[in-house]
């Protein structure tokens, strides 16, 4: 038996002591854990906790395991949201399949859990937007998913929105020269068919609101994908006097959607104008996250980081007014961390600490403070908003999977 690690290899060395020569279904190890609300899988999947890290182990034929291992590593290199691959166990006993090991996605939720506990959002809207964006990111990078579905996706809350993560790449293909329109359409056909079937399954189990029509949602997935793809790849004609403004506007729109321009081309037209052609690529994720981490050491999603940076900016303005002199961003961030963020996080009741990521809790408290202040006609303050949030809102959040 051989175990192939993805670098750095030492991060999963503790897994070597597991009973790899036994069928995964028969394992009996104290490190095995049960995960609630887990997704549906065609294969045997077990979960192991080792030195504070949770791993997912999937038993599949070796050629599929090796293929998925390579594809997940390539997805990481292309900054596509997907589970992190750790390694594969191969050459087990002749009659045993390989085992693919991935790092468990913390604070993740399934589509079933989102429908069961929508938490103030319209589940179909946030799920569709997240899934469509993930599919578009894959297609721009040359990936054919082949099995796009809600079941093969995990979701993380990010400042009230959802970010989709690919968790199953068994049928994926990487085309270095890009995808044809036919390949994209076929992938979209498969996604539409699978999502329709999954929603019918929810409907049969009375887990889907009566107002939700599975066929309409499946069609909506196709429509939203078409709109996003058009925005990312369309050409437009510009007047000479509008070129700089319109180019800047188009690039800003792409950035807002989470994409960058890899190449900008202006092609002259007979009337003296230009045709704008932009080659779009997936943006490097984490501009705001990195900035927040450098200032405060807080690990947050991109939307969470943007919201917390806005709160730091607001706190900085208040600090300057109070002290009567300018305050640097570094000093303001340090003071905000010590006097605003950390007291709130430390006040989370022990039994509720794992419901959401700390940065998401902080974001939701800021949201709660805003609504409470609107209702009261005055600023209720972070401390009071946090106390009410811990009493009334956070206990209603389901445990993570």
Protein backbone atom coordinates (compact mmCIF):
# COMPACT_ATOMS: atom_id res chain seq x y z
CA UNK A 1 0.00 0.00 0.00
CA UNK A 2 1.25 3.50 -0.85
CA UNK A 3 0.03 6.86 0.34
CA UNK A 4 0.60 9.82 -2.00
CA UNK A 5 0.57 13.14 -0.16
CA UNK A 6 -0.12 16.56 -1.60
CA UNK A 7 2.50 19.01 -0.29
CA UNK A 8 3.20 19.83 2.44
CA UNK A 9 3.22 16.12 3.27
CA UNK A 10 3.67 16.52 7.02
CA UNK A 11 0.21 18.05 7.46
CA UNK A 12 -1.45 14.61 7.33
CA UNK A 13 1.31 12.32 8.59
CA UNK A 14 -0.90 11.24 11.51
CA UNK A 15 -3.26 9.51 9.07
CA UNK A 16 -0.68 6.85 8.25
CA UNK A 17 -1.66 4.84 11.34
CA UNK A 18 -5.20 4.27 10.07
CA UNK A 19 -6.21 0.69 8.99
CA UNK A 20 -5.71 1.27 5.27
CA UNK A 21 -5.60 -2.45 4.42
CA UNK A 22 -9.21 -2.91 5.55
CA UNK A 23 -12.33 -1.91 3.60
CA UNK A 24 -13.26 1.64 4.58
CA UNK A 25 -16.75 0.52 5.56
CA UNK A 26 -15.27 -1.89 8.15
CA UNK A 27 -12.96 0.59 9.88
CA UNK A 28 -13.21 0.75 13.65
CA UNK A 29 -10.95 3.53 14.87
CA UNK A 30 -11.40 5.99 17.72
CA UNK A 31 -10.68 8.87 15.36
CA UNK A 32 -13.75 8.16 13.18
CA UNK A 33 -16.52 10.74 13.63
CA UNK A 34 -20.12 11.03 12.45
CA UNK A 35 -21.10 14.07 10.42
CA UNK A 36 -24.68 15.27 10.47
CA UNK A 37 -26.38 16.74 7.40
CA UNK A 38 -23.74 15.18 5.17
CA UNK A 39 -24.23 15.17 1.42
CA UNK A 40 -25.30 12.22 -0.68
CA UNK A 41 -22.50 10.07 -2.13
CA UNK A 42 -22.39 7.08 -4.46
CA UNK A 43 -19.37 5.73 -2.59
CA UNK A 44 -18.41 4.82 0.97
CA UNK A 45 -17.37 8.02 2.76
CA UNK A 46 -16.03 8.20 6.33
CA UNK A 47 -14.76 11.11 8.40
CA UNK A 48 -11.66 11.14 10.59
CA UNK A 49 -10.50 13.69 13.17
CA UNK A 50 -6.73 13.77 13.64
CA UNK A 51 -4.89 16.33 15.79
CA UNK A 52 -7.73 18.84 15.55
CA UNK A 53 -8.20 18.51 11.78
CA UNK A 54 -11.19 16.79 10.19
CA UNK A 55 -10.73 14.75 7.01
CA UNK A 56 -13.15 13.14 4.55
CA UNK A 57 -12.14 9.73 3.14
CA UNK A 58 -13.82 8.38 -0.01
CA UNK A 59 -13.27 4.85 -1.35
CA UNK A 60 -13.31 4.77 -5.18
CA UNK A 61 -11.53 2.88 -8.00
CA UNK A 62 -7.88 3.82 -8.22
CA UNK A 63 -7.96 5.40 -11.68
CA UNK A 64 -10.78 7.73 -10.57
CA UNK A 65 -8.99 8.51 -7.31
CA UNK A 66 -5.76 9.44 -9.10
CA UNK A 67 -7.70 11.55 -11.59
CA UNK A 68 -9.67 13.40 -8.92
CA UNK A 69 -6.49 13.94 -6.92
CA UNK A 70 -4.82 15.64 -9.91
CA UNK A 71 -7.89 17.70 -10.76
CA UNK A 72 -8.42 18.97 -7.20
CA UNK A 73 -4.79 20.05 -7.05
CA UNK A 74 -5.21 21.84 -10.38
CA UNK A 75 -8.38 23.54 -9.14
CA UNK A 76 -6.45 24.88 -6.17
CA UNK A 77 -3.75 26.25 -8.49
CA UNK A 78 -6.45 28.05 -10.50
CA UNK A 79 -8.04 29.53 -7.35
CA UNK A 80 -11.34 27.68 -7.91
CA UNK A 81 -13.31 27.14 -4.68
CA UNK A 82 -13.09 23.40 -4.00
CA UNK A 83 -12.27 21.04 -1.17
CA UNK A 84 -8.55 20.74 -0.40
CA UNK A 85 -7.08 17.41 -1.44
CA UNK A 86 -4.66 15.81 1.05
CA UNK A 87 -3.65 12.56 -0.66
CA UNK A 88 -4.63 9.14 -1.95
CA UNK A 89 -4.03 5.63 -0.67
CA UNK A 90 -3.34 3.29 -3.58
CA UNK A 91 -2.09 -0.24 -4.18
CA UNK A 92 -4.15 -1.57 -1.29
CA UNK A 93 -5.09 -5.23 -1.23
CA UNK A 94 -5.92 -6.44 -4.75
CA UNK A 95 -9.64 -6.39 -4.11
CA UNK A 96 -9.74 -2.95 -2.42
CA UNK A 97 -10.31 0.37 -4.14
CA UNK A 98 -8.19 3.44 -3.50
CA UNK A 99 -9.10 6.04 -0.88
CA UNK A 100 -9.11 9.75 -1.65
CA UNK A 101 -8.48 12.02 1.36
CA UNK A 102 -9.63 15.65 1.47
CA UNK A 103 -9.63 18.19 4.24
CA UNK A 104 -13.14 18.68 5.60
CA UNK A 105 -14.59 22.09 4.72
CA UNK A 106 -15.26 23.80 8.06
CA UNK A 107 -18.41 25.88 8.61
CA UNK A 108 -19.90 24.37 5.45
CA UNK A 109 -23.54 23.55 4.87
CA UNK A 110 -25.51 21.52 2.35
CA UNK A 111 -28.33 22.65 0.09
CA UNK A 112 -30.75 20.57 2.14
CA UNK A 113 -29.70 22.42 5.30
CA UNK A 114 -30.13 25.79 3.55
CA UNK A 115 -33.69 24.90 2.57
CA UNK A 116 -34.41 23.54 6.07
CA UNK A 117 -33.11 26.71 7.74
CA UNK A 118 -33.08 29.63 5.26
CA UNK A 119 -32.02 32.17 7.92
CA UNK A 120 -33.75 35.15 6.35
CA UNK A 121 -32.56 34.54 2.78
CA UNK A 122 -34.38 33.17 -0.26
CA UNK A 123 -32.72 29.75 -0.56
CA UNK A 124 -33.28 29.34 -4.27
CA UNK A 125 -31.74 32.75 -5.04
CA UNK A 126 -28.56 32.39 -3.01
CA UNK A 127 -28.04 28.74 -3.97
CA UNK A 128 -28.52 29.39 -7.67
CA UNK A 129 -26.26 32.45 -7.68
CA UNK A 130 -23.50 30.56 -5.88
CA UNK A 131 -23.77 27.49 -8.12
CA UNK A 132 -23.89 29.55 -11.33
CA UNK A 133 -20.80 31.55 -10.32
CA UNK A 134 -18.88 28.38 -9.52
CA UNK A 135 -19.84 26.82 -12.86
CA UNK A 136 -18.82 29.97 -14.75
CA UNK A 137 -15.47 30.04 -12.94
CA UNK A 138 -14.83 26.45 -13.95
CA UNK A 139 -15.75 27.07 -17.58
CA UNK A 140 -13.59 30.19 -17.86
CA UNK A 141 -10.61 28.17 -16.65
CA UNK A 142 -11.29 25.30 -19.06
CA UNK A 143 -12.93 22.83 -16.67
CA UNK A 144 -15.80 20.62 -17.73
CA UNK A 145 -17.50 19.55 -14.48
CA UNK A 146 -19.66 16.76 -15.86
CA UNK A 147 -21.58 16.29 -12.62
CA UNK A 148 -22.64 19.76 -11.51
CA UNK A 149 -25.34 19.44 -8.89
CA UNK A 150 -26.36 20.77 -5.51
CA UNK A 151 -25.33 17.45 -3.95
CA UNK A 152 -21.77 17.79 -5.27
CA UNK A 153 -21.46 21.25 -3.81
CA UNK A 154 -20.97 22.56 -0.30
CA UNK A 155 -21.82 26.11 0.70
CA UNK A 156 -20.35 28.59 3.15
CA UNK A 157 -22.10 31.67 4.43
CA UNK A 158 -20.11 34.79 3.60
CA UNK A 159 -21.68 38.00 4.97
CA UNK A 160 -25.20 36.73 4.35
CA UNK A 161 -24.43 35.35 0.88
CA UNK A 162 -23.29 31.85 -0.04
CA UNK A 163 -20.05 30.73 -1.66
CA UNK A 164 -20.14 27.40 -3.47
CA UNK A 165 -17.32 24.82 -3.23
CA UNK A 166 -16.88 21.87 -5.56
CA UNK A 167 -16.57 18.63 -3.57
CA UNK A 168 -16.66 15.96 -6.28
CA UNK A 169 -14.41 16.07 -9.35
CA UNK A 170 -14.70 12.42 -10.44
CA UNK A 171 -16.11 13.30 -13.86
CA UNK A 172 -14.28 16.59 -14.38
CA UNK A 173 -11.98 17.31 -17.31
CA UNK A 174 -9.42 20.08 -17.77
CA UNK A 175 -9.11 21.44 -21.31
CA UNK A 176 -6.05 23.67 -21.49
CA UNK A 177 -7.25 25.22 -24.76
CA UNK A 178 -10.62 26.15 -23.22
CA UNK A 179 -14.13 24.78 -23.61
CA UNK A 180 -16.20 24.96 -26.76
CA UNK A 181 -19.71 26.39 -26.61
CA UNK A 182 -21.02 22.86 -27.11
CA UNK A 183 -19.09 21.57 -24.10
CA UNK A 184 -20.34 24.41 -21.95
CA UNK A 185 -23.93 23.87 -23.05
CA UNK A 186 -23.70 20.15 -22.38
CA UNK A 187 -22.33 20.80 -18.88
CA UNK A 188 -25.17 23.26 -18.30
CA UNK A 189 -27.70 20.70 -19.55
CA UNK A 190 -26.38 18.17 -17.04
CA UNK A 191 -26.50 20.75 -14.23
CA UNK A 192 -30.08 21.72 -15.07
CA UNK A 193 -31.20 18.09 -15.16
CA UNK A 194 -29.53 17.21 -11.83
CA UNK A 195 -30.77 20.31 -9.98
CA UNK A 196 -34.32 19.64 -11.23
CA UNK A 197 -34.12 16.07 -9.91
CA UNK A 198 -32.72 17.18 -6.53
CA UNK A 199 -35.50 19.73 -6.08
CA UNK A 200 -38.12 17.11 -6.98
CA UNK A 201 -36.58 14.93 -4.26
CA UNK A 202 -36.91 17.77 -1.75
CA UNK A 203 -40.48 18.36 -2.87
CA UNK A 204 -41.35 14.70 -2.34
CA UNK A 205 -39.99 14.94 1.21
CA UNK A 206 -41.98 18.13 1.95
CA UNK A 207 -38.69 20.04 2.34
CA UNK A 208 -39.39 22.49 -0.47
CA UNK A 209 -41.65 25.52 0.04
CA UNK A 210 -44.93 25.19 -1.82
CA UNK A 211 -44.20 28.35 -3.82
CA UNK A 212 -41.06 26.83 -5.36
CA UNK A 213 -41.50 25.13 -8.75
CA UNK A 214 -38.56 22.78 -9.49
CA UNK A 215 -38.92 23.24 -13.25
CA UNK A 216 -38.91 27.03 -12.93
CA UNK A 217 -35.79 26.92 -10.74
CA UNK A 218 -33.99 24.64 -13.19
CA UNK A 219 -34.84 27.06 -16.02
CA UNK A 220 -33.71 29.96 -13.82
CA UNK A 221 -30.32 28.31 -13.35
CA UNK A 222 -29.88 28.27 -17.12
CA UNK A 223 -31.01 31.90 -17.46
CA UNK A 224 -28.70 33.18 -14.72
CA UNK A 225 -25.75 31.30 -16.15
CA UNK A 226 -26.43 32.76 -19.61
CA UNK A 227 -26.64 36.29 -18.17
CA UNK A 228 -23.40 35.91 -16.21
CA UNK A 229 -21.53 34.34 -19.12
CA UNK A 230 -22.71 37.14 -21.42
CA UNK A 231 -21.49 39.75 -18.96
CA UNK A 232 -18.11 38.05 -18.68
CA UNK A 233 -17.48 37.50 -22.39
CA UNK A 234 -19.51 40.03 -24.40
CA UNK A 235 -17.98 42.49 -26.84
CA UNK A 236 -19.27 46.06 -27.02
CA UNK A 237 -18.81 49.02 -29.35
CA UNK A 238 -17.40 52.24 -27.84
CA UNK A 239 -17.35 55.81 -29.09
CA UNK A 240 -13.86 57.35 -29.16
CA UNK A 241 -14.72 59.96 -26.51
CA UNK A 242 -16.11 57.33 -24.13
CA UNK A 243 -13.35 54.73 -24.36
CA UNK A 244 -11.49 55.30 -21.09
CA UNK A 245 -14.67 55.75 -19.05
CA UNK A 246 -16.48 52.75 -20.52
CA UNK A 247 -13.44 50.47 -20.21
CA UNK A 248 -13.02 51.46 -16.55
CA UNK A 249 -16.73 50.89 -15.97
CA UNK A 250 -16.63 47.44 -17.56
CA UNK A 251 -13.55 46.40 -15.58
CA UNK A 252 -15.11 47.59 -12.32
CA UNK A 253 -18.23 45.55 -13.11
CA UNK A 254 -16.09 42.45 -13.68
CA UNK A 255 -14.30 43.03 -10.37
CA UNK A 256 -17.63 43.31 -8.56
CA UNK A 257 -18.59 39.92 -10.00
CA UNK A 258 -15.32 38.43 -8.71
CA UNK A 259 -13.45 38.30 -12.03
CA UNK A 260 -10.45 40.07 -13.57
CA UNK A 261 -9.48 41.07 -17.09
CA UNK A 262 -6.58 39.03 -18.37
CA UNK A 263 -6.41 40.91 -21.67
CA UNK A 264 -8.13 44.07 -22.98
CA UNK A 265 -8.27 44.54 -26.77
CA UNK A 266 -9.60 47.55 -28.68
CA UNK A 267 -10.39 46.93 -32.36
CA UNK A 268 -10.95 50.01 -34.55
CA UNK A 269 -14.25 50.36 -36.40
CA UNK A 270 -15.06 52.16 -39.65
CA UNK A 271 -16.84 55.05 -37.89
CA UNK A 272 -13.82 55.94 -35.76
CA UNK A 273 -14.99 54.12 -32.66
CA UNK A 274 -13.70 50.88 -31.20
CA UNK A 275 -14.93 47.43 -30.37
CA UNK A 276 -13.97 46.36 -26.86
CA UNK A 277 -12.97 42.73 -26.40
CA UNK A 278 -11.98 41.52 -22.94
CA UNK A 279 -10.52 38.13 -22.11
CA UNK A 280 -11.85 37.37 -18.65
CA UNK A 281 -10.23 35.17 -16.04
CA UNK A 282 -11.09 34.17 -12.49
CA UNK A 283 -9.88 36.86 -10.11
CA UNK A 284 -7.37 36.00 -7.45
CA UNK A 285 -9.57 35.66 -4.44
CA UNK A 286 -9.00 37.39 -1.17
CA UNK A 287 -7.98 41.02 -1.69
CA UNK A 288 -10.04 42.20 1.27
CA UNK A 289 -9.36 39.01 3.22
CA UNK A 290 -5.61 39.51 2.94
CA UNK A 291 -5.85 43.16 3.93
CA UNK A 292 -7.95 42.32 6.99
CA UNK A 293 -5.58 39.51 7.98
CA UNK A 294 -2.51 41.76 7.70
CA UNK A 295 -4.18 44.42 9.85
CA UNK A 296 -5.82 42.21 12.46
CA UNK A 297 -4.88 38.54 12.04
CA UNK A 298 -8.56 37.69 11.44
CA UNK A 299 -9.23 34.88 8.94
CA UNK A 300 -12.41 35.79 7.05
CA UNK A 301 -14.24 35.31 3.77
CA UNK A 302 -14.04 38.07 1.18
CA UNK A 303 -17.49 39.56 1.87
CA UNK A 304 -17.00 39.22 5.62
CA UNK A 305 -13.64 40.97 5.36
CA UNK A 306 -15.14 43.78 3.31
CA UNK A 307 -17.80 44.33 5.97
CA UNK A 308 -15.34 44.24 8.86
CA UNK A 309 -12.98 46.63 7.05
CA UNK A 310 -15.90 49.02 6.67
CA UNK A 311 -16.54 48.76 10.39
CA UNK A 312 -12.86 49.50 11.07
CA UNK A 313 -13.11 52.57 8.83
CA UNK A 314 -16.19 53.75 10.73
CA UNK A 315 -14.44 53.11 14.04
CA UNK A 316 -11.39 55.03 12.81
CA UNK A 317 -13.53 58.07 11.96
CA UNK A 318 -15.12 57.94 15.41
CA UNK A 319 -11.69 57.61 17.03
CA UNK A 320 -10.33 60.63 15.14
CA UNK A 321 -13.32 62.72 16.18
CA UNK A 322 -12.96 61.65 19.79
CA UNK A 323 -9.20 62.25 19.98
CA UNK A 324 -9.19 65.37 17.83
CA UNK A 325 -6.33 64.29 15.54
CA UNK A 326 -5.73 61.89 12.62
CA UNK A 327 -5.35 58.17 13.45
CA UNK A 328 -3.46 55.81 11.16
CA UNK A 329 -5.25 52.78 9.71
CA UNK A 330 -2.88 50.43 11.53
CA UNK A 331 -3.53 52.06 14.92
CA UNK A 332 -7.29 52.16 14.31
CA UNK A 333 -7.36 48.49 13.30
CA UNK A 334 -5.40 47.48 16.41
CA UNK A 335 -7.71 49.47 18.68
CA UNK A 336 -10.83 48.10 16.94
CA UNK A 337 -9.54 44.55 17.35
CA UNK A 338 -8.91 45.02 21.07
CA UNK A 339 -11.97 47.07 21.98
CA UNK A 340 -14.66 45.93 19.53
CA UNK A 341 -14.03 42.59 17.82
CA UNK A 342 -12.34 40.50 20.51
CA UNK A 343 -14.80 41.40 23.32
CA UNK A 344 -17.69 40.36 21.06
CA UNK A 345 -16.10 37.05 20.07
CA UNK A 346 -15.14 36.27 23.67
CA UNK A 347 -18.76 36.88 24.71
CA UNK A 348 -20.16 34.14 22.44
CA UNK A 349 -21.80 31.54 24.70
CA UNK A 350 -19.62 28.38 24.81
CA UNK A 351 -22.33 26.10 23.45
CA UNK A 352 -22.84 28.30 20.39
CA UNK A 353 -19.26 28.96 19.33
CA UNK A 354 -19.24 26.41 16.51
CA UNK A 355 -22.51 27.47 14.86
CA UNK A 356 -20.83 29.97 12.49
CA UNK A 357 -17.35 31.24 11.77
CA UNK A 358 -16.34 34.10 14.13
CA UNK A 359 -16.14 36.58 11.25
CA UNK A 360 -19.66 35.63 10.11
CA UNK A 361 -20.98 36.08 13.65
CA UNK A 362 -19.33 39.51 13.79
CA UNK A 363 -20.92 40.45 10.46
CA UNK A 364 -24.35 39.29 11.60
CA UNK A 365 -24.05 41.29 14.82
CA UNK A 366 -23.28 44.38 12.74
CA UNK A 367 -26.40 43.63 10.68
CA UNK A 368 -28.43 43.08 13.83
CA UNK A 369 -27.14 46.35 15.29
CA UNK A 370 -28.19 48.25 12.18
CA UNK A 371 -31.75 46.87 12.19
CA UNK A 372 -32.11 47.30 15.94
CA UNK A 373 -30.88 50.90 15.72
CA UNK A 374 -33.33 51.61 12.90
CA UNK A 375 -36.19 50.27 15.01
CA UNK A 376 -35.08 52.20 18.12
CA UNK A 377 -34.33 55.43 16.28
CA UNK A 378 -30.88 55.57 17.85
CA UNK A 379 -27.61 53.64 17.88
CA UNK A 380 -28.11 50.74 20.27
CA UNK A 381 -24.37 49.96 20.38
CA UNK A 382 -22.45 46.80 19.60
CA UNK A 383 -22.59 45.38 23.13
CA UNK A 384 -26.39 45.51 23.35
CA UNK A 385 -26.79 44.24 19.80
CA UNK A 386 -24.44 41.32 20.49
CA UNK A 387 -26.26 40.38 23.69
CA UNK A 388 -29.63 40.31 21.90
CA UNK A 389 -28.14 38.41 18.95
CA UNK A 390 -26.70 35.72 21.26
CA UNK A 391 -30.06 35.36 22.99
CA UNK A 392 -32.43 35.39 20.03
CA UNK A 393 -30.63 34.73 16.74
CA UNK A 394 -27.57 32.53 17.17
CA UNK A 395 -29.41 29.73 19.07
CA UNK A 396 -31.63 29.29 15.99
CA UNK A 397 -28.67 28.62 13.70
CA UNK A 398 -28.31 24.85 13.13
CA UNK A 399 -25.07 23.09 14.03
CA UNK A 400 -22.64 22.87 11.10
CA UNK A 401 -22.42 19.56 9.24
